[in-house]
Amino acid sequence: MAGFQDDGLILAFVLPTGEVDTFVAQLKPEQPLGLREQPLAHNTNASTPFSHLGLPEPDLLAPVREGQVCAPCEGDLNWLKVAVAQVDGRTSRVYLSGVD
């Protein structure tokens, strides 16, 4: 289909670190989140969606727990990924990105 483009979806928010695992479990990821201990050499996303919100890109942070939630997903959502990075000693930022 000419001119067809999927919509990119992003959401980021901060939770108390002790509540992150409960939130992630509700997403029912395909596998447990993996731990990436080094930043990636570059952002794997073609754009920098989170930096447009004034946030650091999760690809460029470490340590980060990350994983696929679903691909393909039910309904109109094609895929959904989650990344979690600690902000300070008490809070963590949850990044959700997807395509529909």
PDB file of N, CA and C in Angstrom:
ATOM      1  N   MET A   1       0.848  -1.159   0.000  1.00  0.00           N
ATOM      2  CA  MET A   1       0.000   0.000   0.000  1.00  0.00           C
ATOM      3  C   MET A   1       0.906   1.237   0.000  1.00  0.00           C
ATOM      4  N   ALA A   2       0.802   2.081  -0.978  1.00  0.00           N
ATOM      5  CA  ALA A   2       1.628   3.275  -1.087  1.00  0.00           C
ATOM      6  C   ALA A   2       1.284   4.261   0.021  1.00  0.00           C
ATOM      7  N   GLY A   3       2.327   4.815   0.649  1.00  0.00           N
ATOM      8  CA  GLY A   3       2.122   5.831   1.668  1.00  0.00           C
ATOM      9  C   GLY A   3       1.718   5.299   3.024  1.00  0.00           C
ATOM     10  N   PHE A   4       1.666   3.987   3.176  1.00  0.00           N
ATOM     11  CA  PHE A   4       1.264   3.399   4.456  1.00  0.00           C
ATOM     12  C   PHE A   4       2.433   3.445   5.429  1.00  0.00           C
ATOM     13  N   GLN A   5       2.167   3.872   6.649  1.00  0.00           N
ATOM     14  CA  GLN A   5       3.205   3.901   7.681  1.00  0.00           C
ATOM     15  C   GLN A   5       2.580   3.525   9.013  1.00  0.00           C
ATOM     16  N   ASP A   6       3.271   2.649   9.741  1.00  0.00           N
ATOM     17  CA  ASP A   6       2.805   2.286  11.075  1.00  0.00           C
ATOM     18  C   ASP A   6       3.026   3.451  12.030  1.00  0.00           C
ATOM     19  N   ASP A   7       2.260   3.458  13.094  1.00  0.00           N
ATOM     20  CA  ASP A   7       2.412   4.466  14.138  1.00  0.00           C
ATOM     21  C   ASP A   7       3.377   3.963  15.192  1.00  0.00           C
ATOM     22  N   GLY A   8       4.338   4.803  15.573  1.00  0.00           N
ATOM     23  CA  GLY A   8       5.235   4.489  16.669  1.00  0.00           C
ATOM     24  C   GLY A   8       4.610   4.964  17.972  1.00  0.00           C
ATOM     25  N   LEU A   9       4.708   4.142  18.985  1.00  0.00           N
ATOM     26  CA  LEU A   9       4.108   4.457  20.278  1.00  0.00           C
ATOM     27  C   LEU A   9       5.206   4.458  21.330  1.00  0.00           C
ATOM     28  N   ILE A  10       5.243   5.494  22.164  1.00  0.00           N
ATOM     29  CA  ILE A  10       6.214   5.542  23.257  1.00  0.00           C
ATOM     30  C   ILE A  10       5.530   6.040  24.521  1.00  0.00           C
ATOM     31  N   LEU A  11       6.012   5.540  25.632  1.00  0.00           N
ATOM     32  CA  LEU A  11       5.528   5.966  26.934  1.00  0.00           C
ATOM     33  C   LEU A  11       6.668   5.757  27.909  1.00  0.00           C
ATOM     34  N   ALA A  12       6.921   6.728  28.750  1.00  0.00           N
ATOM     35  CA  ALA A  12       7.941   6.599  29.792  1.00  0.00           C
ATOM     36  C   ALA A  12       7.389   7.202  31.071  1.00  0.00           C
ATOM     37  N   PHE A  13       7.666   6.556  32.182  1.00  0.00           N
ATOM     38  CA  PHE A  13       7.221   7.048  33.475  1.00  0.00           C
ATOM     39  C   PHE A  13       8.126   6.488  34.554  1.00  0.00           C
ATOM     40  N   VAL A  14       8.054   7.078  35.723  1.00  0.00           N
ATOM     41  CA  VAL A  14       8.900   6.688  36.847  1.00  0.00           C
ATOM     42  C   VAL A  14       8.040   6.001  37.898  1.00  0.00           C
ATOM     43  N   LEU A  15       8.581   4.912  38.430  1.00  0.00           N
ATOM     44  CA  LEU A  15       7.936   4.172  39.516  1.00  0.00           C
ATOM     45  C   LEU A  15       8.936   3.978  40.648  1.00  0.00           C
ATOM     46  N   PRO A  16       8.447   3.767  41.867  1.00  0.00           N
ATOM     47  CA  PRO A  16       9.369   3.324  42.904  1.00  0.00           C
ATOM     48  C   PRO A  16       9.998   1.996  42.452  1.00  0.00           C
ATOM     49  N   THR A  17      11.287   1.848  42.612  1.00  0.00           N
ATOM     50  CA  THR A  17      11.987   0.668  42.114  1.00  0.00           C
ATOM     51  C   THR A  17      11.343  -0.620  42.609  1.00  0.00           C
ATOM     52  N   GLY A  18      10.854  -0.644  43.840  1.00  0.00           N
ATOM     53  CA  GLY A  18      10.221  -1.837  44.387  1.00  0.00           C
ATOM     54  C   GLY A  18       8.927  -2.236  43.704  1.00  0.00           C
ATOM     55  N   GLU A  19       8.333  -1.351  42.909  1.00  0.00           N
ATOM     56  CA  GLU A  19       7.073  -1.639  42.212  1.00  0.00           C
ATOM     57  C   GLU A  19       7.265  -2.025  40.751  1.00  0.00           C
ATOM     58  N   VAL A  20       8.484  -1.930  40.246  1.00  0.00           N
ATOM     59  CA  VAL A  20       8.734  -2.175  38.823  1.00  0.00           C
ATOM     60  C   VAL A  20       8.436  -3.620  38.442  1.00  0.00           C
ATOM     61  N   ASP A  21       8.906  -4.586  39.221  1.00  0.00           N
ATOM     62  CA  ASP A  21       8.697  -5.994  38.856  1.00  0.00           C
ATOM     63  C   ASP A  21       7.220  -6.347  38.799  1.00  0.00           C
ATOM     64  N   THR A  22       6.420  -5.808  39.701  1.00  0.00           N
ATOM     65  CA  THR A  22       4.976  -6.056  39.680  1.00  0.00           C
ATOM     66  C   THR A  22       4.365  -5.485  38.407  1.00  0.00           C
ATOM     67  N   PHE A  23       4.772  -4.278  38.028  1.00  0.00           N
ATOM     68  CA  PHE A  23       4.251  -3.670  36.803  1.00  0.00           C
ATOM     69  C   PHE A  23       4.650  -4.501  35.590  1.00  0.00           C
ATOM     70  N   VAL A  24       5.927  -4.850  35.486  1.00  0.00           N
ATOM     71  CA  VAL A  24       6.413  -5.612  34.325  1.00  0.00           C
ATOM     72  C   VAL A  24       5.711  -6.966  34.243  1.00  0.00           C
ATOM     73  N   ALA A  25       5.487  -7.623  35.357  1.00  0.00           N
ATOM     74  CA  ALA A  25       4.806  -8.924  35.354  1.00  0.00           C
ATOM     75  C   ALA A  25       3.402  -8.815  34.759  1.00  0.00           C
ATOM     76  N   GLN A  26       2.731  -7.684  34.976  1.00  0.00           N
ATOM     77  CA  GLN A  26       1.391  -7.481  34.415  1.00  0.00           C
ATOM     78  C   GLN A  26       1.417  -7.377  32.892  1.00  0.00           C
ATOM     79  N   LEU A  27       2.565  -6.995  32.331  1.00  0.00           N
ATOM     80  CA  LEU A  27       2.704  -6.928  30.877  1.00  0.00           C
ATOM     81  C   LEU A  27       2.842  -8.320  30.258  1.00  0.00           C
ATOM     82  N   LYS A  28       3.189  -9.304  31.081  1.00  0.00           N
ATOM     83  CA  LYS A  28       3.377 -10.684  30.648  1.00  0.00           C
ATOM     84  C   LYS A  28       4.395 -10.785  29.512  1.00  0.00           C
ATOM     85  N   PRO A  29       5.652 -10.378  29.771  1.00  0.00           N
ATOM     86  CA  PRO A  29       6.670 -10.470  28.724  1.00  0.00           C
ATOM     87  C   PRO A  29       6.868 -11.915  28.275  1.00  0.00           C
ATOM     88  N   GLU A  30       7.297 -12.069  27.011  1.00  0.00           N
ATOM     89  CA  GLU A  30       7.506 -13.397  26.440  1.00  0.00           C
ATOM     90  C   GLU A  30       8.550 -14.180  27.226  1.00  0.00           C
ATOM     91  N   GLN A  31       9.577 -13.500  27.736  1.00  0.00           N
ATOM     92  CA  GLN A  31      10.637 -14.101  28.532  1.00  0.00           C
ATOM     93  C   GLN A  31      11.023 -13.094  29.611  1.00  0.00           C
ATOM     94  N   PRO A  32      11.707 -13.558  30.662  1.00  0.00           N
ATOM     95  CA  PRO A  32      12.171 -12.597  31.672  1.00  0.00           C
ATOM     96  C   PRO A  32      13.048 -11.516  31.021  1.00  0.00           C
ATOM     97  N   LEU A  33      12.989 -10.318  31.566  1.00  0.00           N
ATOM     98  CA  LEU A  33      13.803  -9.236  31.018  1.00  0.00           C
ATOM     99  C   LEU A  33      15.272  -9.576  31.177  1.00  0.00           C
ATOM    100  N   GLY A  34      16.040  -9.262  30.135  1.00  0.00           N
ATOM    101  CA  GLY A  34      17.481  -9.459  30.187  1.00  0.00           C
ATOM    102  C   GLY A  34      18.157  -8.213  30.729  1.00  0.00           C
ATOM    103  N   LEU A  35      19.353  -8.401  31.261  1.00  0.00           N
ATOM    104  CA  LEU A  35      20.119  -7.277  31.789  1.00  0.00           C
ATOM    105  C   LEU A  35      21.223  -6.922  30.807  1.00  0.00           C
ATOM    106  N   ARG A  36      21.214  -5.672  30.351  1.00  0.00           N
ATOM    107  CA  ARG A  36      22.292  -5.161  29.502  1.00  0.00           C
ATOM    108  C   ARG A  36      23.133  -4.252  30.372  1.00  0.00           C
ATOM    109  N   GLU A  37      24.399  -4.613  30.557  1.00  0.00           N
ATOM    110  CA  GLU A  37      25.258  -3.877  31.490  1.00  0.00           C
ATOM    111  C   GLU A  37      26.085  -2.783  30.839  1.00  0.00           C
ATOM    112  N   GLN A  38      26.061  -2.703  29.519  1.00  0.00           N
ATOM    113  CA  GLN A  38      26.800  -1.655  28.802  1.00  0.00           C
ATOM    114  C   GLN A  38      25.851  -0.927  27.855  1.00  0.00           C
ATOM    115  N   PRO A  39      26.040   0.373  27.686  1.00  0.00           N
ATOM    116  CA  PRO A  39      25.234   1.073  26.674  1.00  0.00           C
ATOM    117  C   PRO A  39      25.555   0.511  25.294  1.00  0.00           C
ATOM    118  N   LEU A  40      24.596   0.548  24.404  1.00  0.00           N
ATOM    119  CA  LEU A  40      24.861   0.157  23.026  1.00  0.00           C
ATOM    120  C   LEU A  40      25.723   1.228  22.376  1.00  0.00           C
ATOM    121  N   ALA A  41      26.466   0.846  21.358  1.00  0.00           N
ATOM    122  CA  ALA A  41      27.353   1.806  20.687  1.00  0.00           C
ATOM    123  C   ALA A  41      26.555   2.944  20.040  1.00  0.00           C
ATOM    124  N   HIS A  42      25.307   2.644  19.669  1.00  0.00           N
ATOM    125  CA  HIS A  42      24.438   3.658  19.076  1.00  0.00           C
ATOM    126  C   HIS A  42      22.998   3.267  19.361  1.00  0.00           C
ATOM    127  N   ASN A  43      22.109   4.190  19.186  1.00  0.00           N
ATOM    128  CA  ASN A  43      20.687   3.942  19.376  1.00  0.00           C
ATOM    129  C   ASN A  43      20.200   3.016  18.275  1.00  0.00           C
ATOM    130  N   THR A  44      19.591   1.871  18.627  1.00  0.00           N
ATOM    131  CA  THR A  44      19.127   0.929  17.606  1.00  0.00           C
ATOM    132  C   THR A  44      17.850   1.400  16.929  1.00  0.00           C
ATOM    133  N   ASN A  45      17.184   2.368  17.510  1.00  0.00           N
ATOM    134  CA  ASN A  45      15.977   2.911  16.914  1.00  0.00           C
ATOM    135  C   ASN A  45      16.387   3.931  15.852  1.00  0.00           C
ATOM    136  N   ALA A  46      15.723   3.918  14.715  1.00  0.00           N
ATOM    137  CA  ALA A  46      16.070   4.841  13.631  1.00  0.00           C
ATOM    138  C   ALA A  46      15.909   6.303  14.042  1.00  0.00           C
ATOM    139  N   SER A  47      15.047   6.547  14.981  1.00  0.00           N
ATOM    140  CA  SER A  47      14.859   7.911  15.473  1.00  0.00           C
ATOM    141  C   SER A  47      15.268   7.950  16.940  1.00  0.00           C
ATOM    142  N   THR A  48      15.047   9.065  17.560  1.00  0.00           N
ATOM    143  CA  THR A  48      15.341   9.193  18.987  1.00  0.00           C
ATOM    144  C   THR A  48      14.067   9.651  19.697  1.00  0.00           C
ATOM    145  N   PRO A  49      13.080   8.762  19.789  1.00  0.00           N
ATOM    146  CA  PRO A  49      11.782   9.197  20.295  1.00  0.00           C
ATOM    147  C   PRO A  49      11.805   9.693  21.734  1.00  0.00           C
ATOM    148  N   PHE A  50      12.547   9.046  22.605  1.00  0.00           N
ATOM    149  CA  PHE A  50      12.525   9.468  24.002  1.00  0.00           C
ATOM    150  C   PHE A  50      13.282  10.771  24.207  1.00  0.00           C
ATOM    151  N   SER A  51      14.306  11.021  23.402  1.00  0.00           N
ATOM    152  CA  SER A  51      15.022  12.289  23.542  1.00  0.00           C
ATOM    153  C   SER A  51      14.126  13.463  23.132  1.00  0.00           C
ATOM    154  N   HIS A  52      13.145  13.204  22.281  1.00  0.00           N
ATOM    155  CA  HIS A  52      12.183  14.249  21.932  1.00  0.00           C
ATOM    156  C   HIS A  52      11.323  14.627  23.140  1.00  0.00           C
ATOM    157  N   LEU A  53      11.288  13.744  24.128  1.00  0.00           N
ATOM    158  CA  LEU A  53      10.573  14.025  25.374  1.00  0.00           C
ATOM    159  C   LEU A  53      11.509  14.571  26.444  1.00  0.00           C
ATOM    160  N   GLY A  54      12.776  14.789  26.074  1.00  0.00           N
ATOM    161  CA  GLY A  54      13.751  15.288  27.033  1.00  0.00           C
ATOM    162  C   GLY A  54      14.330  14.199  27.923  1.00  0.00           C
ATOM    163  N   LEU A  55      14.189  12.941  27.510  1.00  0.00           N
ATOM    164  CA  LEU A  55      14.678  11.805  28.290  1.00  0.00           C
ATOM    165  C   LEU A  55      15.864  11.145  27.594  1.00  0.00           C
ATOM    166  N   PRO A  56      16.738  10.503  28.355  1.00  0.00           N
ATOM    167  CA  PRO A  56      17.811   9.749  27.715  1.00  0.00           C
ATOM    168  C   PRO A  56      17.229   8.522  27.005  1.00  0.00           C
ATOM    169  N   GLU A  57      17.819   8.143  25.889  1.00  0.00           N
ATOM    170  CA  GLU A  57      17.392   6.952  25.165  1.00  0.00           C
ATOM    171  C   GLU A  57      17.807   5.711  25.944  1.00  0.00           C
ATOM    172  N   PRO A  58      16.914   4.735  26.128  1.00  0.00           N
ATOM    173  CA  PRO A  58      17.277   3.544  26.895  1.00  0.00           C
ATOM    174  C   PRO A  58      18.431   2.752  26.279  1.00  0.00           C
ATOM    175  N   ASP A  59      18.587   2.794  24.951  1.00  0.00           N
ATOM    176  CA  ASP A  59      19.707   2.098  24.298  1.00  0.00           C
ATOM    177  C   ASP A  59      21.056   2.640  24.747  1.00  0.00           C
ATOM    178  N   LEU A  60      21.093   3.892  25.159  1.00  0.00           N
ATOM    179  CA  LEU A  60      22.361   4.537  25.503  1.00  0.00           C
ATOM    180  C   LEU A  60      22.609   4.561  27.012  1.00  0.00           C
ATOM    181  N   LEU A  61      21.758   3.864  27.776  1.00  0.00           N
ATOM    182  CA  LEU A  61      21.904   3.778  29.225  1.00  0.00           C
ATOM    183  C   LEU A  61      22.414   2.393  29.635  1.00  0.00           C
ATOM    184  N   ALA A  62      22.942   2.302  30.832  1.00  0.00           N
ATOM    185  CA  ALA A  62      23.319   1.008  31.411  1.00  0.00           C
ATOM    186  C   ALA A  62      23.458   1.194  32.907  1.00  0.00           C
ATOM    187  N   PRO A  63      23.140   0.210  33.697  1.00  0.00           N
ATOM    188  CA  PRO A  63      22.508  -1.045  33.301  1.00  0.00           C
ATOM    189  C   PRO A  63      21.024  -0.841  33.005  1.00  0.00           C
ATOM    190  N   VAL A  64      20.520  -1.656  32.105  1.00  0.00           N
ATOM    191  CA  VAL A  64      19.113  -1.590  31.703  1.00  0.00           C
ATOM    192  C   VAL A  64      18.573  -3.019  31.623  1.00  0.00           C
ATOM    193  N   ARG A  65      17.407  -3.221  32.207  1.00  0.00           N
ATOM    194  CA  ARG A  65      16.689  -4.483  32.000  1.00  0.00           C
ATOM    195  C   ARG A  65      15.724  -4.242  30.852  1.00  0.00           C
ATOM    196  N   GLU A  66      15.691  -5.174  29.892  1.00  0.00           N
ATOM    197  CA  GLU A  66      14.869  -4.943  28.707  1.00  0.00           C
ATOM    198  C   GLU A  66      14.390  -6.252  28.112  1.00  0.00           C
ATOM    199  N   GLY A  67      13.327  -6.160  27.330  1.00  0.00           N
ATOM    200  CA  GLY A  67      12.825  -7.337  26.658  1.00  0.00           C
ATOM    201  C   GLY A  67      11.597  -7.051  25.828  1.00  0.00           C
ATOM    202  N   GLN A  68      11.240  -8.052  25.051  1.00  0.00           N
ATOM    203  CA  GLN A  68      10.063  -8.009  24.185  1.00  0.00           C
ATOM    204  C   GLN A  68       8.859  -8.398  25.024  1.00  0.00           C
ATOM    205  N   VAL A  69       7.796  -7.629  24.939  1.00  0.00           N
ATOM    206  CA  VAL A  69       6.560  -7.997  25.615  1.00  0.00           C
ATOM    207  C   VAL A  69       5.747  -8.884  24.687  1.00  0.00           C
ATOM    208  N   CYS A  70       5.587  -8.443  23.451  1.00  0.00           N
ATOM    209  CA  CYS A  70       4.862  -9.268  22.480  1.00  0.00           C
ATOM    210  C   CYS A  70       5.278  -8.879  21.061  1.00  0.00           C
ATOM    211  N   ALA A  71       5.314  -9.874  20.201  1.00  0.00           N
ATOM    212  CA  ALA A  71       5.553  -9.669  18.769  1.00  0.00           C
ATOM    213  C   ALA A  71       5.224 -10.982  18.066  1.00  0.00           C
ATOM    214  N   PRO A  72       4.187 -11.083  17.348  1.00  0.00           N
ATOM    215  CA  PRO A  72       3.135 -10.074  17.192  1.00  0.00           C
ATOM    216  C   PRO A  72       2.245 -10.044  18.428  1.00  0.00           C
ATOM    217  N   CYS A  73       1.596  -8.930  18.592  1.00  0.00           N
ATOM    218  CA  CYS A  73       0.686  -8.759  19.718  1.00  0.00           C
ATOM    219  C   CYS A  73      -0.750  -8.975  19.245  1.00  0.00           C
ATOM    220  N   GLU A  74      -1.641  -9.115  20.182  1.00  0.00           N
ATOM    221  CA  GLU A  74      -3.051  -9.230  19.821  1.00  0.00           C
ATOM    222  C   GLU A  74      -3.595  -7.864  19.406  1.00  0.00           C
ATOM    223  N   GLY A  75      -4.605  -7.870  18.593  1.00  0.00           N
ATOM    224  CA  GLY A  75      -5.228  -6.620  18.175  1.00  0.00           C
ATOM    225  C   GLY A  75      -4.377  -5.871  17.162  1.00  0.00           C
ATOM    226  N   ASP A  76      -4.407  -4.560  17.233  1.00  0.00           N
ATOM    227  CA  ASP A  76      -3.726  -3.731  16.251  1.00  0.00           C
ATOM    228  C   ASP A  76      -2.247  -3.532  16.536  1.00  0.00           C
ATOM    229  N   LEU A  77      -1.778  -3.893  17.706  1.00  0.00           N
ATOM    230  CA  LEU A  77      -0.392  -3.654  18.086  1.00  0.00           C
ATOM    231  C   LEU A  77       0.521  -4.700  17.438  1.00  0.00           C
ATOM    232  N   ASN A  78       1.547  -4.246  16.706  1.00  0.00           N
ATOM    233  CA  ASN A  78       2.481  -5.157  16.045  1.00  0.00           C
ATOM    234  C   ASN A  78       3.502  -5.721  17.021  1.00  0.00           C
ATOM    235  N   TRP A  79       4.101  -4.856  17.817  1.00  0.00           N
ATOM    236  CA  TRP A  79       5.076  -5.299  18.822  1.00  0.00           C
ATOM    237  C   TRP A  79       5.163  -4.275  19.935  1.00  0.00           C
ATOM    238  N   LEU A  80       5.646  -4.749  21.091  1.00  0.00           N
ATOM    239  CA  LEU A  80       5.809  -3.896  22.257  1.00  0.00           C
ATOM    240  C   LEU A  80       7.048  -4.344  23.013  1.00  0.00           C
ATOM    241  N   LYS A  81       7.905  -3.396  23.346  1.00  0.00           N
ATOM    242  CA  LYS A  81       9.124  -3.658  24.106  1.00  0.00           C
ATOM    243  C   LYS A  81       9.115  -2.823  25.374  1.00  0.00           C
ATOM    244  N   VAL A  82       9.818  -3.309  26.398  1.00  0.00           N
ATOM    245  CA  VAL A  82       9.949  -2.595  27.664  1.00  0.00           C
ATOM    246  C   VAL A  82      11.423  -2.522  28.029  1.00  0.00           C
ATOM    247  N   ALA A  83      11.814  -1.403  28.604  1.00  0.00           N
ATOM    248  CA  ALA A  83      13.162  -1.221  29.153  1.00  0.00           C
ATOM    249  C   ALA A  83      13.007  -0.526  30.490  1.00  0.00           C
ATOM    250  N   VAL A  84      13.861  -0.893  31.448  1.00  0.00           N
ATOM    251  CA  VAL A  84      13.803  -0.313  32.784  1.00  0.00           C
ATOM    252  C   VAL A  84      15.201   0.128  33.179  1.00  0.00           C
ATOM    253  N   ALA A  85      15.338   1.396  33.551  1.00  0.00           N
ATOM    254  CA  ALA A  85      16.621   1.945  33.996  1.00  0.00           C
ATOM    255  C   ALA A  85      16.428   2.637  35.340  1.00  0.00           C
ATOM    256  N   GLN A  86      17.324   2.386  36.247  1.00  0.00           N
ATOM    257  CA  GLN A  86      17.242   3.019  37.559  1.00  0.00           C
ATOM    258  C   GLN A  86      17.577   4.501  37.424  1.00  0.00           C
ATOM    259  N   VAL A  87      16.776   5.349  38.045  1.00  0.00           N
ATOM    260  CA  VAL A  87      16.985   6.791  38.013  1.00  0.00           C
ATOM    261  C   VAL A  87      17.862   7.223  39.188  1.00  0.00           C
ATOM    262  N   ASP A  88      17.520   6.712  40.361  1.00  0.00           N
ATOM    263  CA  ASP A  88      18.283   7.010  41.576  1.00  0.00           C
ATOM    264  C   ASP A  88      18.093   5.828  42.529  1.00  0.00           C
ATOM    265  N   GLY A  89      18.443   5.988  43.773  1.00  0.00           N
ATOM    266  CA  GLY A  89      18.350   4.896  44.724  1.00  0.00           C
ATOM    267  C   GLY A  89      16.937   4.435  45.047  1.00  0.00           C
ATOM    268  N   ARG A  90      15.938   5.215  44.659  1.00  0.00           N
ATOM    269  CA  ARG A  90      14.552   4.895  45.015  1.00  0.00           C
ATOM    270  C   ARG A  90      13.623   4.690  43.836  1.00  0.00           C
ATOM    271  N   THR A  91      13.981   5.218  42.653  1.00  0.00           N
ATOM    272  CA  THR A  91      13.056   5.167  41.527  1.00  0.00           C
ATOM    273  C   THR A  91      13.718   4.611  40.266  1.00  0.00           C
ATOM    274  N   SER A  92      12.867   4.079  39.399  1.00  0.00           N
ATOM    275  CA  SER A  92      13.306   3.578  38.099  1.00  0.00           C
ATOM    276  C   SER A  92      12.376   4.117  37.024  1.00  0.00           C
ATOM    277  N   ARG A  93      12.930   4.315  35.831  1.00  0.00           N
ATOM    278  CA  ARG A  93      12.119   4.775  34.697  1.00  0.00           C
ATOM    279  C   ARG A  93      11.789   3.568  33.833  1.00  0.00           C
ATOM    280  N   VAL A  94      10.514   3.439  33.506  1.00  0.00           N
ATOM    281  CA  VAL A  94      10.032   2.391  32.617  1.00  0.00           C
ATOM    282  C   VAL A  94       9.805   3.021  31.253  1.00  0.00           C
ATOM    283  N   TYR A  95      10.403   2.423  30.231  1.00  0.00           N
ATOM    284  CA  TYR A  95      10.225   2.870  28.852  1.00  0.00           C
ATOM    285  C   TYR A  95       9.415   1.807  28.111  1.00  0.00           C
ATOM    286  N   LEU A  96       8.344   2.207  27.467  1.00  0.00           N
ATOM    287  CA  LEU A  96       7.577   1.305  26.608  1.00  0.00           C
ATOM    288  C   LEU A  96       7.617   1.855  25.187  1.00  0.00           C
ATOM    289  N   SER A  97       7.912   1.003  24.245  1.00  0.00           N
ATOM    290  CA  SER A  97       7.885   1.414  22.834  1.00  0.00           C
ATOM    291  C   SER A  97       7.224   0.321  22.023  1.00  0.00           C
ATOM    292  N   GLY A  98       6.472   0.739  21.042  1.00  0.00           N
ATOM    293  CA  GLY A  98       5.755  -0.226  20.225  1.00  0.00           C
ATOM    294  C   GLY A  98       5.398   0.354  18.877  1.00  0.00           C
ATOM    295  N   VAL A  99       4.821  -0.510  18.062  1.00  0.00           N
ATOM    296  CA  VAL A  99       4.352  -0.115  16.718  1.00  0.00           C
ATOM    297  C   VAL A  99       3.003  -0.742  16.495  1.00  0.00           C
ATOM    298  N   ASP A 100       2.078   0.066  15.968  1.00  0.00           N
ATOM    299  CA  ASP A 100       0.773  -0.499  15.577  1.00  0.00           C
ATOM    300  C   ASP A 100       0.488  -0.213  14.130  1.00  0.00           C
TER     301      ASP A 100
END
